[in-house]
């Protein structure tokens, strides 16, 4: 079958589609992936047979996309986006089987507004919802679980500072680097988007031995290569974290305004570092740019020892 997966944005959500892409290909299908033009780098990491991109800022882009999709002639279309544009595209393929991922955005908004979830309760991961949407086209027995990457002689650590949303930015990366570089058997690469760490000159110009500073020196494809070559990832809730999970790294992720129960950063694929005692979490479905109560405790309460102690264990075990 010729199958089209639709996910226009964002980079992290697109990377979550790696599982269904791999499972569909293993089931013998030809997989096309439709993404926003600016997210081509993320889509290219999925392993789809062909990537289609669109820039909705251009006049007539949606009409042109619908025309192109009709001409290609897909046997099945799976909507992982769930907005009016993806609705139009998925219903423009006559005769195609259509499926849609159920992502429960209303539940996330209710969590952020009323904190009504029960602490510790389990929610279906978004990656699993993507798999479920494709399940009718996946052959029985096809494995979708990711393999953990085996480390070499030196534990290569990718530390990704910053995040698109200010509230997601853990404030102690400089102190973390100071500690990590003293652990024998480690090699550290610091990455990040310059605009996302612009207020931290200590990180922008961090030049101590044992740390290679790549902040602002990589585009997204180059960042993916850095992460792919690492053994361990440490960072915030960003697309970089999802890339690390995609490549089978041991991942440590700091969560503050968002929570595991949203289904994006889950304990199955990540070592989640968060303060579950705070009753103000979650406060924003995406993260937000200012703390609603002015304390930023959700991030300030997360100490570097939560990571460094685990890194020491990894180096001592040789794993």
Protein backbone atom coordinates (compact mmCIF):
# COMPACT_ATOMS: atom_id res chain seq x y z
CA UNK A 1 0.00 0.00 0.00
CA UNK A 2 0.97 3.63 -0.54
CA UNK A 3 0.34 5.38 2.78
CA UNK A 4 0.47 9.09 3.61
CA UNK A 5 1.13 10.27 7.18
CA UNK A 6 0.22 13.88 7.94
CA UNK A 7 1.93 15.91 10.66
CA UNK A 8 2.63 19.52 9.72
CA UNK A 9 4.33 20.56 12.98
CA UNK A 10 6.16 20.78 15.30
CA UNK A 11 9.60 19.14 15.20
CA UNK A 12 9.13 17.16 18.42
CA UNK A 13 5.68 15.90 17.40
CA UNK A 14 7.00 14.91 13.99
CA UNK A 15 9.82 12.90 15.56
CA UNK A 16 7.24 10.99 17.60
CA UNK A 17 6.04 9.52 14.30
CA UNK A 18 9.23 7.48 13.88
CA UNK A 19 7.54 4.40 15.35
CA UNK A 20 4.64 4.21 12.91
CA UNK A 21 6.89 5.02 9.95
CA UNK A 22 9.20 2.12 10.85
CA UNK A 23 6.30 -0.25 11.55
CA UNK A 24 4.52 0.58 8.29
CA UNK A 25 7.70 0.10 6.27
CA UNK A 26 8.38 -3.21 8.03
CA UNK A 27 4.85 -4.22 7.04
CA UNK A 28 5.77 -3.75 3.38
CA UNK A 29 4.13 -0.37 2.71
CA UNK A 30 5.53 2.67 0.93
CA UNK A 31 5.37 5.54 3.39
CA UNK A 32 5.02 9.21 2.46
CA UNK A 33 5.26 11.86 5.16
CA UNK A 34 3.67 15.30 4.85
CA UNK A 35 5.18 18.07 6.99
CA UNK A 36 5.52 21.84 7.08
CA UNK A 37 8.40 23.12 4.97
CA UNK A 38 10.31 24.47 7.99
CA UNK A 39 10.22 21.01 9.59
CA UNK A 40 11.82 19.12 6.72
CA UNK A 41 14.86 18.38 8.88
CA UNK A 42 12.78 16.60 11.48
CA UNK A 43 10.74 14.71 8.89
CA UNK A 44 13.91 13.56 7.13
CA UNK A 45 15.01 11.73 10.30
CA UNK A 46 11.99 9.42 10.25
CA UNK A 47 13.10 7.14 7.44
CA UNK A 48 9.99 7.65 5.27
CA UNK A 49 10.27 6.70 1.60
CA UNK A 50 9.33 10.19 0.50
CA UNK A 51 8.79 13.53 2.25
CA UNK A 52 6.24 16.07 1.05
CA UNK A 53 6.48 19.60 2.43
CA UNK A 54 4.14 22.57 2.35
CA UNK A 55 4.43 26.24 3.29
CA UNK A 56 0.99 27.53 4.20
CA UNK A 57 2.26 31.12 4.17
CA UNK A 58 2.32 30.92 0.38
CA UNK A 59 -0.88 31.83 -1.42
CA UNK A 60 -2.82 28.83 -2.68
CA UNK A 61 -0.60 26.37 -0.79
CA UNK A 62 -3.49 24.28 0.56
CA UNK A 63 -5.22 24.05 -2.81
CA UNK A 64 -1.97 23.06 -4.49
CA UNK A 65 -1.30 20.45 -1.82
CA UNK A 66 -4.76 18.91 -2.26
CA UNK A 67 -4.25 18.73 -6.02
CA UNK A 68 -0.84 17.06 -5.60
CA UNK A 69 -2.16 14.52 -3.09
CA UNK A 70 -5.02 13.60 -5.41
CA UNK A 71 -2.64 13.01 -8.30
CA UNK A 72 -0.33 10.82 -6.22
CA UNK A 73 -3.21 8.52 -5.32
CA UNK A 74 -2.78 7.09 -1.83
CA UNK A 75 -4.31 3.84 -0.61
CA UNK A 76 -4.46 5.10 2.97
CA UNK A 77 -4.04 8.41 4.80
CA UNK A 78 -3.31 8.73 8.52
CA UNK A 79 -3.88 12.14 10.10
CA UNK A 80 -1.51 12.72 13.03
CA UNK A 81 -2.17 16.47 13.11
CA UNK A 82 -5.89 16.83 13.69
CA UNK A 83 -6.61 20.34 12.40
CA UNK A 84 -8.79 21.70 9.62
CA UNK A 85 -5.99 21.61 7.04
CA UNK A 86 -5.17 17.97 7.67
CA UNK A 87 -8.93 17.25 7.59
CA UNK A 88 -9.16 18.75 4.11
CA UNK A 89 -6.08 16.88 2.87
CA UNK A 90 -7.04 13.47 4.24
CA UNK A 91 -10.50 13.71 2.70
CA UNK A 92 -9.16 14.71 -0.71
CA UNK A 93 -8.03 11.19 -1.59
CA UNK A 94 -10.92 9.32 -3.22
CA UNK A 95 -10.98 5.65 -2.29
CA UNK A 96 -8.27 5.95 0.36
CA UNK A 97 -8.74 4.45 3.81
CA UNK A 98 -8.59 7.28 6.35
CA UNK A 99 -7.52 7.10 9.98
CA UNK A 100 -6.98 9.84 12.59
CA UNK A 101 -4.89 9.80 15.76
CA UNK A 102 -6.86 10.65 18.91
CA UNK A 103 -4.62 12.95 20.97
CA UNK A 104 -7.04 14.28 23.62
CA UNK A 105 -6.00 17.97 23.56
CA UNK A 106 -9.00 18.82 25.73
CA UNK A 107 -7.66 16.59 28.51
CA UNK A 108 -4.33 18.41 28.50
CA UNK A 109 -6.09 21.76 28.74
CA UNK A 110 -8.19 20.50 31.64
CA UNK A 111 -5.06 19.27 33.40
CA UNK A 112 -3.40 22.66 33.00
CA UNK A 113 -6.49 24.54 34.10
CA UNK A 114 -7.73 22.38 36.99
CA UNK A 115 -4.85 19.98 37.88
CA UNK A 116 -7.48 17.24 37.92
CA UNK A 117 -5.27 14.28 37.08
CA UNK A 118 -4.31 11.86 39.83
CA UNK A 119 -0.57 11.92 40.54
CA UNK A 120 1.10 8.78 39.22
CA UNK A 121 -1.79 7.77 36.96
CA UNK A 122 -0.89 6.43 33.52
CA UNK A 123 -1.88 8.10 30.27
CA UNK A 124 -1.38 6.77 26.77
CA UNK A 125 1.79 8.19 25.24
CA UNK A 126 1.27 10.28 22.11
CA UNK A 127 3.70 8.02 20.24
CA UNK A 128 1.43 5.07 21.05
CA UNK A 129 -1.59 7.01 19.83
CA UNK A 130 0.21 7.47 16.52
CA UNK A 131 0.87 3.72 16.38
CA UNK A 132 -2.75 2.97 17.23
CA UNK A 133 -3.95 5.17 14.39
CA UNK A 134 -1.84 3.09 11.98
CA UNK A 135 -2.57 -0.29 13.56
CA UNK A 136 -4.92 -1.47 10.78
CA UNK A 137 -2.00 -1.28 8.35
CA UNK A 138 0.69 -2.83 10.56
CA UNK A 139 1.25 -6.57 10.24
CA UNK A 140 1.00 -8.67 13.43
CA UNK A 141 4.39 -9.32 14.99
CA UNK A 142 6.06 -6.18 13.67
CA UNK A 143 8.09 -4.68 16.52
CA UNK A 144 7.73 -0.99 17.31
CA UNK A 145 9.91 -0.78 20.44
CA UNK A 146 13.18 1.18 20.21
CA UNK A 147 16.55 -0.41 20.94
CA UNK A 148 18.85 1.20 23.47
CA UNK A 149 22.18 2.31 22.09
CA UNK A 150 25.31 0.66 23.52
CA UNK A 151 28.05 3.01 24.66
CA UNK A 152 31.68 2.87 23.67
CA UNK A 153 34.80 3.32 25.81
CA UNK A 154 33.89 6.94 26.62
CA UNK A 155 30.40 7.97 27.70
CA UNK A 156 29.49 10.65 25.16
CA UNK A 157 26.99 13.09 26.65
CA UNK A 158 24.91 15.57 24.66
CA UNK A 159 23.72 18.43 26.87
CA UNK A 160 21.07 20.52 25.13
CA UNK A 161 20.38 23.80 26.92
CA UNK A 162 17.42 26.06 26.31
CA UNK A 163 13.91 25.52 24.99
CA UNK A 164 11.45 27.40 22.83
CA UNK A 165 9.28 28.27 25.85
CA UNK A 166 11.03 30.19 28.65
CA UNK A 167 9.30 28.22 31.41
CA UNK A 168 10.82 25.00 30.09
CA UNK A 169 14.40 26.25 30.53
CA UNK A 170 16.10 24.62 33.51
CA UNK A 171 18.39 27.26 35.08
CA UNK A 172 21.35 25.13 36.25
CA UNK A 173 23.02 23.87 33.08
CA UNK A 174 26.25 25.75 33.81
CA UNK A 175 26.55 24.10 37.24
CA UNK A 176 25.69 20.75 35.67
CA UNK A 177 28.51 21.10 33.12
CA UNK A 178 30.96 22.02 35.88
CA UNK A 179 30.12 18.75 37.62
CA UNK A 180 29.89 16.49 34.57
CA UNK A 181 33.30 17.48 33.19
CA UNK A 182 34.93 16.20 36.40
CA UNK A 183 33.49 12.70 36.02
CA UNK A 184 36.11 10.40 34.49
CA UNK A 185 35.21 8.56 31.31
CA UNK A 186 32.90 11.22 29.88
CA UNK A 187 32.98 13.45 26.83
CA UNK A 188 30.50 16.33 26.69
CA UNK A 189 29.05 18.30 23.81
CA UNK A 190 26.94 21.34 24.67
CA UNK A 191 24.27 22.23 22.11
CA UNK A 192 21.40 24.68 21.94
CA UNK A 193 19.71 27.38 19.92
CA UNK A 194 21.45 30.67 20.56
CA UNK A 195 18.22 32.66 20.94
CA UNK A 196 17.01 30.21 23.60
CA UNK A 197 20.03 30.73 25.87
CA UNK A 198 20.66 34.37 24.99
CA UNK A 199 20.24 35.47 28.62
CA UNK A 200 22.89 33.03 29.84
CA UNK A 201 26.29 34.36 28.80
CA UNK A 202 27.92 31.69 31.00
CA UNK A 203 26.55 29.03 28.66
CA UNK A 204 27.07 30.92 25.42
CA UNK A 205 30.79 31.32 26.17
CA UNK A 206 31.41 28.16 28.20
CA UNK A 207 34.96 27.07 27.29
CA UNK A 208 36.18 24.77 30.04
CA UNK A 209 38.13 21.61 29.25
CA UNK A 210 36.15 18.46 28.61
CA UNK A 211 33.24 20.34 27.04
CA UNK A 212 32.79 21.16 23.34
CA UNK A 213 30.47 24.15 23.04
CA UNK A 214 28.28 23.93 19.91
CA UNK A 215 25.56 26.40 20.94
CA UNK A 216 24.39 28.28 17.85
CA UNK A 217 26.74 26.32 15.59
CA UNK A 218 24.37 23.65 14.26
CA UNK A 219 21.26 23.68 12.13
CA UNK A 220 18.66 21.00 12.88
CA UNK A 221 20.17 18.26 10.66
CA UNK A 222 23.61 18.88 12.20
CA UNK A 223 22.09 18.78 15.68
CA UNK A 224 20.55 15.40 14.86
CA UNK A 225 23.99 14.09 13.89
CA UNK A 226 25.50 15.26 17.18
CA UNK A 227 22.73 13.61 19.15
CA UNK A 228 22.88 10.41 17.12
CA UNK A 229 26.58 10.03 17.92
CA UNK A 230 26.04 10.46 21.67
CA UNK A 231 25.25 7.86 24.33
CA UNK A 232 23.37 10.05 26.80
CA UNK A 233 21.11 13.08 26.38
CA UNK A 234 20.42 15.68 29.06
CA UNK A 235 18.04 18.54 28.38
CA UNK A 236 14.63 20.15 28.59
CA UNK A 237 11.34 19.16 27.01
CA UNK A 238 12.31 19.92 23.40
CA UNK A 239 12.50 18.36 19.94
CA UNK A 240 16.13 17.50 20.73
CA UNK A 241 14.92 15.22 23.53
CA UNK A 242 12.62 13.37 21.13
CA UNK A 243 15.51 13.00 18.67
CA UNK A 244 17.62 11.45 21.42
CA UNK A 245 14.86 8.99 22.21
CA UNK A 246 14.53 8.19 18.50
CA UNK A 247 18.21 7.23 18.38
CA UNK A 248 18.00 5.05 21.49
CA UNK A 249 19.98 7.24 23.90
CA UNK A 250 19.62 7.22 27.65
CA UNK A 251 17.63 10.44 28.12
CA UNK A 252 17.32 12.71 31.14
CA UNK A 253 14.66 15.40 30.72
CA UNK A 254 13.67 18.21 33.09
CA UNK A 255 9.93 18.84 33.31
CA UNK A 256 8.48 21.92 34.99
CA UNK A 257 5.34 23.53 33.56
CA UNK A 258 4.46 20.37 31.59
CA UNK A 259 4.00 16.85 32.95
CA UNK A 260 4.46 13.20 31.97
CA UNK A 261 0.72 12.77 31.82
CA UNK A 262 0.54 14.94 28.69
CA UNK A 263 1.97 11.91 26.88
CA UNK A 264 4.95 13.51 25.12
CA UNK A 265 7.78 12.99 27.62
CA UNK A 266 6.95 9.72 29.40
CA UNK A 267 8.83 7.50 31.84
CA UNK A 268 8.96 4.68 29.29
CA UNK A 269 11.38 6.52 27.00
CA UNK A 270 12.90 9.09 29.36
CA UNK A 271 14.27 9.47 32.85
CA UNK A 272 11.93 12.26 33.90
CA UNK A 273 13.20 14.77 36.45
CA UNK A 274 10.36 16.74 38.01
CA UNK A 275 8.94 17.90 41.32
CA UNK A 276 5.71 15.96 41.67
CA UNK A 277 4.91 17.67 44.99
CA UNK A 278 3.99 20.99 43.43
CA UNK A 279 0.24 21.50 43.17
CA UNK A 280 0.63 24.27 40.58
CA UNK A 281 1.77 21.84 37.88
CA UNK A 282 0.99 21.70 35.02
CA UNK A 283 0.43 25.39 34.35
CA UNK A 284 0.56 25.53 30.54
CA UNK A 285 -0.03 22.98 27.77
CA UNK A 286 3.08 24.13 25.91
CA UNK A 287 5.21 25.61 28.69
CA UNK A 288 4.56 29.32 28.63
CA UNK A 289 7.01 32.20 29.01
CA UNK A 290 6.32 33.33 32.58
CA UNK A 291 5.54 31.56 35.84
CA UNK A 292 1.88 32.26 36.77
CA UNK A 293 2.74 32.52 40.48
CA UNK A 294 6.17 34.10 40.03
CA UNK A 295 8.29 31.44 41.79
CA UNK A 296 9.52 29.15 38.98
CA UNK A 297 9.84 26.46 41.67
CA UNK A 298 8.99 23.70 39.19
CA UNK A 299 12.43 24.19 37.62
CA UNK A 300 14.42 25.71 40.47
CA UNK A 301 13.65 22.70 42.69
CA UNK A 302 15.34 20.29 40.27
CA UNK A 303 18.93 19.79 41.42
CA UNK A 304 21.97 18.70 39.39
CA UNK A 305 22.59 15.65 41.61
CA UNK A 306 19.50 14.03 40.08
CA UNK A 307 21.57 13.69 36.89
CA UNK A 308 25.20 13.56 38.01
CA UNK A 309 24.61 10.66 40.41
CA UNK A 310 23.12 8.63 37.56
CA UNK A 311 25.95 9.54 35.17
CA UNK A 312 28.47 8.33 37.75
CA UNK A 313 26.65 5.02 37.93
CA UNK A 314 26.71 4.68 34.14
CA UNK A 315 30.46 5.31 33.93
CA UNK A 316 31.26 2.96 36.84
CA UNK A 317 29.23 0.15 35.27
CA UNK A 318 30.70 0.72 31.83
CA UNK A 319 27.19 0.95 30.37
